[in-house]
Each structure stands twice: as C-alpha cells, then as structure tokens.
Amino acid sequence: MISGFNTNVRHRGLVFHVQTEDSGLAHPHVISHVYHGGTILASEKSDYSGRVGSPNLVREVRALMEAQHKALICRLERGELDAAIDARLPGAAGDAPAPGAPRVGGAAPAPPAPTPARAGRGFGDGVVSERPLDAVILDYLVTKARRSRPKG
C-alpha cells in the first residue's frame, strides 16, 4: 500500500478536503474523495489489477494516484462539482458565487459577515499536507510526549 495524498482546497468560500489512497494489492484500486465537513461530495476509483505483475508497480500506482488526485482537484476548481455541492450542502456555499458567475446589478456582492464558528481563520486554512494522517498524528503524539516529560 502506497501512502496517499491529502489536500485542502478553497472553493466558493469553503474549504474542501481531497483525499486519494491506494487500497493495496488485496484490492488493487486507487480511490479519491472530495469531502466537506465529513460529507463525501465526489469520488473517483481507478482499478489497477491489470498492472499487478509489473516490475514498476509502485511507480505506476504512484503516478495513477497523483494524476487522479490532481484531476479531482481541477474538477472542483473548475466548478464541475458545484451541482453536487449544492445538492448535498444546501445553503453552505450560497453566499459565494461560482467562479466566472455573472454579477447581478454589475456590482460585486459584499462578502458575508463572519459567523462565530467561521470568524478569523477558517477550519483547514493553511493545512495542506501530502503526508498520511497516521504520520502526522504520530509526530504530534511524540512531540507532546517529549514536552510532558519531567525534566531531570
């Protein structure tokens, strides 16, 4: 199993999480999801069972993962997932127009006022990592344990 990719993408004023992972040789496929707040908005799955005997399998699966991950991010950024966003997150992105959407009245709408839950830095802002979640958690736990050790 190859380590996956995790990327946060801002679109229509919201932060979406794109995750791609390899399911391993027992289930030879790569799967990518776009999430917002725990809701899966889109998925893509690519089978690589025909490549299992390849001497370059790791390189080939890594390339497949990268291409699929980037393609899903591009679909999100181009607005191709906006219908799914609107259907599964009613009103969540209603205040932010889609990129390139025509303006009503010729003026740009005023940005929405921050709500207490979204005031300041939004959830996920600045958090972009290609490291697997388990590695991030392990680093955090090790750092926390070192800080809490009694000195002496």
Foldseek 3Di string as FASTA:
>chain_A
DDQKFWFWDAFLNFIKIKIWDAPDPVQGKIKIFIDGPRDTQDMDMGGDNVCVPPPCVVVVVVVVRVVVRVVVNVCVLVCVSVVSCCVPPPPPSVQGDGPPDDDPPPDDDDHDDDDPQQPDPGPPPPDGDGGHPVVVVVVVVVVVVVVPDDDD
